[in-house]
């Protein structure tokens, strides 16, 4: 076990763009889908993702805000496994254009052609409560 801080973890996550966001579906099954953090990588325990109001993700979060995120780094040294991160947290649905603008990057224009004015856009904020990481032989937990 190592004692990595949230700041240490943030530095290591800088190159990780995609996470798998897991929610509880209406039938009780676990549903997971890839979500991009759009370069918003100053990790303080909060993750930010854009989606559309009609996505199953939104309905799942409205039913049960407890979610999971999993990240995998692409870099490894000397054949060691890359960084793996599992986050347990609570999701919040945000429909405020000021918040959209704060987390918007130009790359999002590909998915949301009208920018922050795209109809039915929703920002998902996931606030971590527990983070478990594996970095080669090192592993640890951070409680946020």
N, C-alpha and C. Protein backbone atom coordinates (compact mmCIF):
# COMPACT_ATOMS: atom_id res chain seq x y z
N UNK A 1 0.85 -1.19 0.00
CA UNK A 1 0.00 0.00 0.00
C UNK A 1 0.89 1.24 0.00
N UNK A 2 0.44 2.25 -0.73
CA UNK A 2 1.12 3.53 -0.74
C UNK A 2 0.16 4.58 -0.22
N UNK A 3 0.70 5.73 0.07
CA UNK A 3 -0.11 6.82 0.58
C UNK A 3 -0.11 7.96 -0.44
N UNK A 4 -0.74 7.74 -1.57
CA UNK A 4 -0.85 8.77 -2.59
C UNK A 4 -1.92 9.77 -2.14
N UNK A 5 -1.67 11.04 -2.35
CA UNK A 5 -2.65 12.07 -2.02
C UNK A 5 -3.53 12.33 -3.24
N UNK A 6 -4.59 13.07 -3.05
CA UNK A 6 -5.46 13.44 -4.15
C UNK A 6 -4.68 14.27 -5.18
N UNK A 7 -3.78 15.12 -4.72
CA UNK A 7 -2.94 15.92 -5.62
C UNK A 7 -2.02 15.01 -6.44
N UNK A 8 -1.41 14.01 -5.81
CA UNK A 8 -0.56 13.05 -6.52
C UNK A 8 -1.37 12.34 -7.60
N UNK A 9 -2.55 11.90 -7.24
CA UNK A 9 -3.41 11.19 -8.17
C UNK A 9 -3.81 12.08 -9.33
N UNK A 10 -4.10 13.34 -9.06
CA UNK A 10 -4.47 14.29 -10.10
C UNK A 10 -3.37 14.42 -11.15
N UNK A 11 -2.14 14.49 -10.71
CA UNK A 11 -1.01 14.60 -11.64
C UNK A 11 -0.91 13.36 -12.52
N UNK A 12 -1.14 12.20 -11.95
CA UNK A 12 -1.06 10.95 -12.71
C UNK A 12 -2.24 10.78 -13.67
N UNK A 13 -3.37 11.42 -13.35
CA UNK A 13 -4.56 11.30 -14.19
C UNK A 13 -4.57 12.29 -15.35
N UNK A 14 -3.60 13.17 -15.44
CA UNK A 14 -3.63 14.26 -16.42
C UNK A 14 -3.80 13.78 -17.85
N UNK A 15 -3.30 12.61 -18.19
CA UNK A 15 -3.39 12.11 -19.56
C UNK A 15 -4.56 11.16 -19.80
N UNK A 16 -5.40 10.94 -18.80
CA UNK A 16 -6.53 10.02 -18.95
C UNK A 16 -7.75 10.83 -19.37
N UNK A 17 -8.26 10.56 -20.57
CA UNK A 17 -9.41 11.31 -21.08
C UNK A 17 -10.73 10.62 -20.76
N UNK A 18 -10.80 9.31 -20.94
CA UNK A 18 -12.08 8.62 -20.82
C UNK A 18 -12.20 7.84 -19.51
N UNK A 19 -13.42 7.81 -19.03
CA UNK A 19 -13.78 6.99 -17.87
C UNK A 19 -14.99 6.16 -18.26
N UNK A 20 -15.18 5.07 -17.58
CA UNK A 20 -16.42 4.31 -17.68
C UNK A 20 -17.29 4.74 -16.51
N UNK A 21 -18.46 5.29 -16.81
CA UNK A 21 -19.42 5.74 -15.80
C UNK A 21 -20.45 4.63 -15.63
N UNK A 22 -20.56 4.10 -14.42
CA UNK A 22 -21.51 3.03 -14.12
C UNK A 22 -22.64 3.56 -13.26
N UNK A 23 -23.86 3.20 -13.67
CA UNK A 23 -25.06 3.59 -12.95
C UNK A 23 -25.91 2.34 -12.72
N UNK A 24 -26.95 2.49 -11.93
CA UNK A 24 -27.89 1.39 -11.70
C UNK A 24 -29.08 1.62 -12.65
N UNK A 25 -29.31 0.68 -13.57
CA UNK A 25 -30.40 0.78 -14.53
C UNK A 25 -31.74 0.52 -13.85
N UNK A 26 -32.81 0.80 -14.58
CA UNK A 26 -34.16 0.65 -14.03
C UNK A 26 -34.44 -0.77 -13.56
N UNK A 27 -33.89 -1.76 -14.25
CA UNK A 27 -34.13 -3.16 -13.87
C UNK A 27 -33.16 -3.66 -12.80
N UNK A 28 -32.31 -2.76 -12.29
CA UNK A 28 -31.38 -3.12 -11.23
C UNK A 28 -30.00 -3.52 -11.72
N UNK A 29 -29.86 -3.72 -13.02
CA UNK A 29 -28.55 -4.09 -13.59
C UNK A 29 -27.59 -2.90 -13.53
N UNK A 30 -26.31 -3.20 -13.59
CA UNK A 30 -25.29 -2.16 -13.68
C UNK A 30 -25.11 -1.81 -15.16
N UNK A 31 -25.22 -0.53 -15.47
CA UNK A 31 -25.03 -0.04 -16.84
C UNK A 31 -23.79 0.84 -16.86
N UNK A 32 -22.90 0.58 -17.81
CA UNK A 32 -21.66 1.38 -17.91
C UNK A 32 -21.52 1.90 -19.33
N UNK A 33 -20.97 3.11 -19.42
CA UNK A 33 -20.73 3.71 -20.72
C UNK A 33 -19.51 4.62 -20.64
N UNK A 34 -18.78 4.76 -21.77
CA UNK A 34 -17.60 5.63 -21.76
C UNK A 34 -18.03 7.10 -21.76
N UNK A 35 -17.33 7.89 -20.99
CA UNK A 35 -17.58 9.33 -20.92
C UNK A 35 -16.23 10.04 -20.95
N UNK A 36 -16.16 11.13 -21.71
CA UNK A 36 -14.93 11.91 -21.79
C UNK A 36 -14.95 13.03 -20.77
N UNK A 37 -13.81 13.24 -20.11
CA UNK A 37 -13.71 14.37 -19.18
C UNK A 37 -13.31 15.64 -19.92
N UNK A 38 -13.12 15.54 -21.24
CA UNK A 38 -12.89 16.69 -22.11
C UNK A 38 -11.71 17.55 -21.67
N UNK A 39 -10.70 16.91 -21.13
CA UNK A 39 -9.51 17.64 -20.72
C UNK A 39 -9.65 18.34 -19.38
N UNK A 40 -10.77 18.18 -18.70
CA UNK A 40 -11.00 18.79 -17.39
C UNK A 40 -10.35 17.88 -16.34
N UNK A 41 -9.02 17.96 -16.25
CA UNK A 41 -8.27 16.97 -15.49
C UNK A 41 -7.65 17.47 -14.20
N UNK A 42 -7.95 18.67 -13.80
CA UNK A 42 -7.50 19.14 -12.49
C UNK A 42 -8.36 18.43 -11.46
N UNK A 43 -7.98 17.24 -11.09
CA UNK A 43 -8.85 16.37 -10.30
C UNK A 43 -8.81 16.73 -8.82
N UNK A 44 -9.96 17.11 -8.30
CA UNK A 44 -10.10 17.44 -6.88
C UNK A 44 -11.12 16.53 -6.20
N UNK A 45 -11.48 15.44 -6.88
CA UNK A 45 -12.51 14.54 -6.39
C UNK A 45 -13.81 14.69 -7.14
N UNK A 46 -13.90 15.72 -8.00
CA UNK A 46 -15.09 15.92 -8.82
C UNK A 46 -14.74 15.66 -10.28
N UNK A 47 -15.62 14.94 -10.97
CA UNK A 47 -15.49 14.68 -12.40
C UNK A 47 -16.69 15.29 -13.09
N UNK A 48 -16.48 15.76 -14.32
CA UNK A 48 -17.52 16.49 -15.05
C UNK A 48 -17.69 15.87 -16.43
N UNK A 49 -18.95 15.59 -16.80
CA UNK A 49 -19.26 14.97 -18.09
C UNK A 49 -20.53 15.60 -18.66
N UNK A 50 -20.54 15.81 -19.97
CA UNK A 50 -21.73 16.33 -20.64
C UNK A 50 -22.48 15.19 -21.31
N UNK A 51 -23.81 15.30 -21.34
CA UNK A 51 -24.66 14.34 -22.03
C UNK A 51 -25.95 15.03 -22.41
N UNK A 52 -26.87 14.27 -22.96
CA UNK A 52 -28.19 14.79 -23.31
C UNK A 52 -29.22 14.34 -22.29
N UNK A 53 -30.22 15.18 -22.09
CA UNK A 53 -31.29 14.92 -21.12
C UNK A 53 -31.95 13.56 -21.33
N UNK A 54 -32.11 13.14 -22.60
CA UNK A 54 -32.82 11.90 -22.88
C UNK A 54 -31.96 10.64 -22.74
N UNK A 55 -30.70 10.79 -22.39
CA UNK A 55 -29.82 9.63 -22.21
C UNK A 55 -30.27 8.78 -21.03
N UNK A 56 -30.12 7.47 -21.16
CA UNK A 56 -30.44 6.57 -20.06
C UNK A 56 -29.65 6.93 -18.80
N UNK A 57 -28.45 7.46 -19.00
CA UNK A 57 -27.60 7.86 -17.88
C UNK A 57 -28.34 8.83 -16.96
N UNK A 58 -29.02 9.80 -17.55
CA UNK A 58 -29.73 10.81 -16.77
C UNK A 58 -30.86 10.17 -15.97
N UNK A 59 -31.64 9.32 -16.61
CA UNK A 59 -32.73 8.63 -15.90
C UNK A 59 -32.20 7.76 -14.77
N UNK A 60 -31.08 7.07 -15.03
CA UNK A 60 -30.48 6.23 -14.00
C UNK A 60 -30.06 7.07 -12.79
N UNK A 61 -29.43 8.20 -13.03
CA UNK A 61 -28.96 9.07 -11.95
C UNK A 61 -30.14 9.67 -11.18
N UNK A 62 -31.22 9.99 -11.88
CA UNK A 62 -32.40 10.53 -11.19
C UNK A 62 -33.00 9.49 -10.23
N UNK A 63 -32.89 8.21 -10.59
CA UNK A 63 -33.40 7.13 -9.72
C UNK A 63 -32.45 6.84 -8.58
N UNK A 64 -31.14 6.85 -8.88
CA UNK A 64 -30.13 6.48 -7.88
C UNK A 64 -28.84 7.23 -8.21
N UNK A 65 -28.50 8.18 -7.38
CA UNK A 65 -27.35 9.05 -7.65
C UNK A 65 -26.00 8.40 -7.33
N UNK A 66 -26.00 7.22 -6.73
CA UNK A 66 -24.74 6.53 -6.44
C UNK A 66 -24.20 5.95 -7.74
N UNK A 67 -22.96 6.31 -8.10
CA UNK A 67 -22.36 5.89 -9.36
C UNK A 67 -20.92 5.43 -9.13
N UNK A 68 -20.36 4.82 -10.16
CA UNK A 68 -18.96 4.43 -10.14
C UNK A 68 -18.27 4.93 -11.40
N UNK A 69 -17.01 5.24 -11.27
CA UNK A 69 -16.17 5.62 -12.40
C UNK A 69 -14.95 4.71 -12.41
N UNK A 70 -14.52 4.30 -13.56
CA UNK A 70 -13.26 3.57 -13.66
C UNK A 70 -12.40 4.22 -14.73
N UNK A 71 -11.14 4.39 -14.40
CA UNK A 71 -10.15 5.01 -15.29
C UNK A 71 -9.00 4.04 -15.48
N UNK A 72 -8.40 4.09 -16.66
CA UNK A 72 -7.19 3.31 -16.91
C UNK A 72 -6.21 4.19 -17.65
N UNK A 73 -5.03 4.34 -17.08
CA UNK A 73 -3.98 5.10 -17.75
C UNK A 73 -3.40 4.30 -18.90
N UNK A 74 -2.83 5.00 -19.86
CA UNK A 74 -2.24 4.32 -21.02
C UNK A 74 -0.75 4.14 -20.88
N UNK A 75 -0.15 4.83 -19.94
CA UNK A 75 1.30 4.76 -19.80
C UNK A 75 1.72 3.72 -18.77
N UNK A 76 2.78 3.03 -19.07
CA UNK A 76 3.38 2.14 -18.08
C UNK A 76 4.88 2.18 -18.27
N UNK A 77 5.59 1.91 -17.23
CA UNK A 77 7.05 1.95 -17.28
C UNK A 77 7.61 0.54 -17.23
N UNK A 78 8.49 0.23 -18.15
CA UNK A 78 9.21 -1.03 -18.17
C UNK A 78 8.28 -2.24 -18.06
N UNK A 79 7.18 -2.21 -18.79
CA UNK A 79 6.28 -3.34 -18.82
C UNK A 79 5.36 -3.46 -17.63
N UNK A 80 5.39 -2.50 -16.70
CA UNK A 80 4.49 -2.53 -15.56
C UNK A 80 3.07 -2.21 -16.02
N UNK A 81 2.07 -2.69 -15.31
CA UNK A 81 0.69 -2.33 -15.67
C UNK A 81 0.48 -0.82 -15.53
N UNK A 82 -0.46 -0.26 -16.30
CA UNK A 82 -0.75 1.16 -16.16
C UNK A 82 -1.53 1.45 -14.88
N UNK A 83 -1.77 2.70 -14.62
CA UNK A 83 -2.56 3.14 -13.47
C UNK A 83 -4.03 2.77 -13.68
N UNK A 84 -4.64 2.17 -12.67
CA UNK A 84 -6.07 1.87 -12.66
C UNK A 84 -6.70 2.61 -11.48
N UNK A 85 -7.89 3.18 -11.71
CA UNK A 85 -8.56 3.95 -10.67
C UNK A 85 -10.04 3.57 -10.66
N UNK A 86 -10.58 3.28 -9.47
CA UNK A 86 -12.01 3.03 -9.29
C UNK A 86 -12.55 4.07 -8.32
N UNK A 87 -13.58 4.78 -8.74
CA UNK A 87 -14.16 5.86 -7.94
C UNK A 87 -15.60 5.49 -7.57
N UNK A 88 -15.93 5.64 -6.31
CA UNK A 88 -17.31 5.54 -5.85
C UNK A 88 -17.74 6.96 -5.52
N UNK A 89 -18.92 7.34 -6.00
CA UNK A 89 -19.35 8.70 -5.73
C UNK A 89 -20.82 8.92 -5.93
N UNK A 90 -21.21 10.19 -5.84
CA UNK A 90 -22.59 10.62 -6.00
C UNK A 90 -22.66 11.58 -7.18
N UNK A 91 -23.61 11.32 -8.07
CA UNK A 91 -23.78 12.16 -9.26
C UNK A 91 -24.83 13.24 -9.00
N UNK A 92 -24.60 14.37 -9.64
CA UNK A 92 -25.54 15.49 -9.60
C UNK A 92 -25.77 15.94 -11.04
N UNK A 93 -27.00 16.20 -11.39
CA UNK A 93 -27.35 16.68 -12.74
C UNK A 93 -27.45 18.20 -12.69
N UNK A 94 -26.70 18.85 -13.56
CA UNK A 94 -26.64 20.32 -13.57
C UNK A 94 -27.16 20.81 -14.92
N UNK A 95 -28.05 21.78 -14.88
CA UNK A 95 -28.65 22.33 -16.09
C UNK A 95 -28.44 23.84 -16.18
N UNK A 96 -27.36 24.31 -15.65
CA UNK A 96 -27.04 25.73 -15.56
C UNK A 96 -25.98 26.11 -16.61
N UNK A 97 -26.30 27.06 -17.49
CA UNK A 97 -25.38 27.43 -18.57
C UNK A 97 -24.07 28.02 -18.06
N UNK A 98 -24.09 28.66 -16.92
CA UNK A 98 -22.84 29.20 -16.36
C UNK A 98 -21.90 28.05 -16.01
N UNK A 99 -22.45 26.98 -15.46
CA UNK A 99 -21.64 25.78 -15.14
C UNK A 99 -21.17 25.12 -16.42
N UNK A 100 -22.03 25.10 -17.46
CA UNK A 100 -21.62 24.54 -18.76
C UNK A 100 -20.39 25.29 -19.26
N UNK A 101 -20.47 26.61 -19.24
CA UNK A 101 -19.37 27.45 -19.76
C UNK A 101 -18.09 27.21 -18.97
N UNK A 102 -18.20 27.02 -17.70
CA UNK A 102 -17.03 26.80 -16.84
C UNK A 102 -16.29 25.51 -17.21
N UNK A 103 -17.01 24.50 -17.68
CA UNK A 103 -16.41 23.19 -17.97
C UNK A 103 -16.35 22.88 -19.47
N UNK A 104 -16.66 23.86 -20.31
CA UNK A 104 -16.71 23.64 -21.75
C UNK A 104 -15.31 23.69 -22.35
N UNK A 105 -15.07 22.80 -23.31
CA UNK A 105 -13.85 22.86 -24.13
C UNK A 105 -14.28 22.79 -25.59
N UNK A 106 -13.45 23.29 -26.46
CA UNK A 106 -13.76 23.35 -27.89
C UNK A 106 -14.05 21.96 -28.46
N UNK A 107 -13.41 20.92 -27.95
CA UNK A 107 -13.63 19.56 -28.44
C UNK A 107 -15.09 19.11 -28.29
N UNK A 108 -15.82 19.70 -27.36
CA UNK A 108 -17.22 19.33 -27.15
C UNK A 108 -18.11 19.75 -28.30
N UNK A 109 -17.66 20.70 -29.11
CA UNK A 109 -18.46 21.16 -30.25
C UNK A 109 -18.76 20.03 -31.22
N UNK A 110 -17.93 19.00 -31.25
CA UNK A 110 -18.16 17.84 -32.11
C UNK A 110 -19.47 17.14 -31.73
N UNK A 111 -19.72 17.02 -30.43
CA UNK A 111 -20.89 16.31 -29.92
C UNK A 111 -22.09 17.22 -29.71
N UNK A 112 -21.82 18.47 -29.39
CA UNK A 112 -22.87 19.43 -29.05
C UNK A 112 -22.67 20.66 -29.93
N UNK A 113 -23.26 20.62 -31.13
CA UNK A 113 -22.95 21.59 -32.19
C UNK A 113 -23.33 23.02 -31.85
N UNK A 114 -24.26 23.23 -30.96
CA UNK A 114 -24.65 24.59 -30.59
C UNK A 114 -23.98 25.03 -29.29
N UNK A 115 -22.92 24.35 -28.91
CA UNK A 115 -22.19 24.71 -27.70
C UNK A 115 -23.07 24.61 -26.47
N UNK A 116 -22.90 25.56 -25.55
CA UNK A 116 -23.67 25.50 -24.30
C UNK A 116 -25.15 25.79 -24.53
N UNK A 117 -25.51 26.23 -25.74
CA UNK A 117 -26.91 26.48 -26.07
C UNK A 117 -27.58 25.27 -26.73
N UNK A 118 -26.86 24.15 -26.82
CA UNK A 118 -27.44 22.94 -27.39
C UNK A 118 -28.66 22.54 -26.57
N UNK A 119 -29.79 22.31 -27.24
CA UNK A 119 -31.00 21.90 -26.50
C UNK A 119 -30.77 20.58 -25.75
N UNK A 120 -31.35 20.50 -24.57
CA UNK A 120 -31.36 19.27 -23.75
C UNK A 120 -29.99 18.82 -23.26
N UNK A 121 -29.04 19.71 -23.19
CA UNK A 121 -27.72 19.34 -22.68
C UNK A 121 -27.75 19.32 -21.15
N UNK A 122 -27.02 18.39 -20.58
CA UNK A 122 -26.94 18.24 -19.12
C UNK A 122 -25.48 18.01 -18.75
N UNK A 123 -25.06 18.61 -17.67
CA UNK A 123 -23.72 18.39 -17.12
C UNK A 123 -23.86 17.46 -15.92
N UNK A 124 -23.07 16.40 -15.93
CA UNK A 124 -23.06 15.46 -14.81
C UNK A 124 -21.82 15.75 -13.97
N UNK A 125 -22.03 16.01 -12.70
CA UNK A 125 -20.93 16.17 -11.76
C UNK A 125 -20.92 14.92 -10.87
N UNK A 126 -19.78 14.25 -10.84
CA UNK A 126 -19.63 13.10 -9.95
C UNK A 126 -18.66 13.50 -8.84
N UNK A 127 -19.15 13.51 -7.62
CA UNK A 127 -18.31 13.83 -6.47
C UNK A 127 -17.87 12.52 -5.82
N UNK A 128 -16.58 12.28 -5.82
CA UNK A 128 -16.02 11.05 -5.26
C UNK A 128 -16.16 11.03 -3.74
N UNK A 129 -16.46 9.85 -3.22
CA UNK A 129 -16.42 9.65 -1.78
C UNK A 129 -15.27 8.70 -1.42
N UNK A 130 -14.95 7.80 -2.34
CA UNK A 130 -13.86 6.82 -2.13
C UNK A 130 -13.19 6.55 -3.46
N UNK A 131 -11.88 6.58 -3.45
CA UNK A 131 -11.08 6.31 -4.65
C UNK A 131 -10.10 5.21 -4.32
N UNK A 132 -10.11 4.16 -5.11
CA UNK A 132 -9.14 3.07 -4.95
C UNK A 132 -8.28 3.08 -6.20
N UNK A 133 -6.96 2.98 -6.03
CA UNK A 133 -6.06 3.01 -7.18
C UNK A 133 -5.05 1.88 -7.10
N UNK A 134 -4.61 1.47 -8.27
CA UNK A 134 -3.55 0.47 -8.43
C UNK A 134 -2.55 1.05 -9.41
N UNK A 135 -1.30 1.10 -9.03
CA UNK A 135 -0.24 1.68 -9.86
C UNK A 135 0.94 0.71 -9.81
N UNK A 136 0.92 -0.27 -10.73
CA UNK A 136 1.93 -1.32 -10.65
C UNK A 136 1.67 -2.15 -9.40
N UNK A 137 2.68 -2.30 -8.57
CA UNK A 137 2.51 -3.06 -7.32
C UNK A 137 1.93 -2.22 -6.19
N UNK A 138 1.86 -0.91 -6.40
CA UNK A 138 1.34 -0.01 -5.38
C UNK A 138 -0.17 0.11 -5.50
N UNK A 139 -0.83 0.17 -4.38
CA UNK A 139 -2.27 0.41 -4.36
C UNK A 139 -2.62 1.16 -3.09
N UNK A 140 -3.78 1.80 -3.14
CA UNK A 140 -4.21 2.53 -1.97
C UNK A 140 -5.61 3.07 -2.14
N UNK A 141 -6.09 3.72 -1.09
CA UNK A 141 -7.41 4.32 -1.09
C UNK A 141 -7.32 5.75 -0.60
N UNK A 142 -8.18 6.57 -1.17
CA UNK A 142 -8.32 7.95 -0.74
C UNK A 142 -9.80 8.16 -0.45
N UNK A 143 -10.10 8.67 0.72
CA UNK A 143 -11.48 9.02 1.06
C UNK A 143 -11.60 10.53 0.95
N UNK A 144 -12.55 10.97 0.17
CA UNK A 144 -12.69 12.40 -0.13
C UNK A 144 -13.77 13.01 0.75
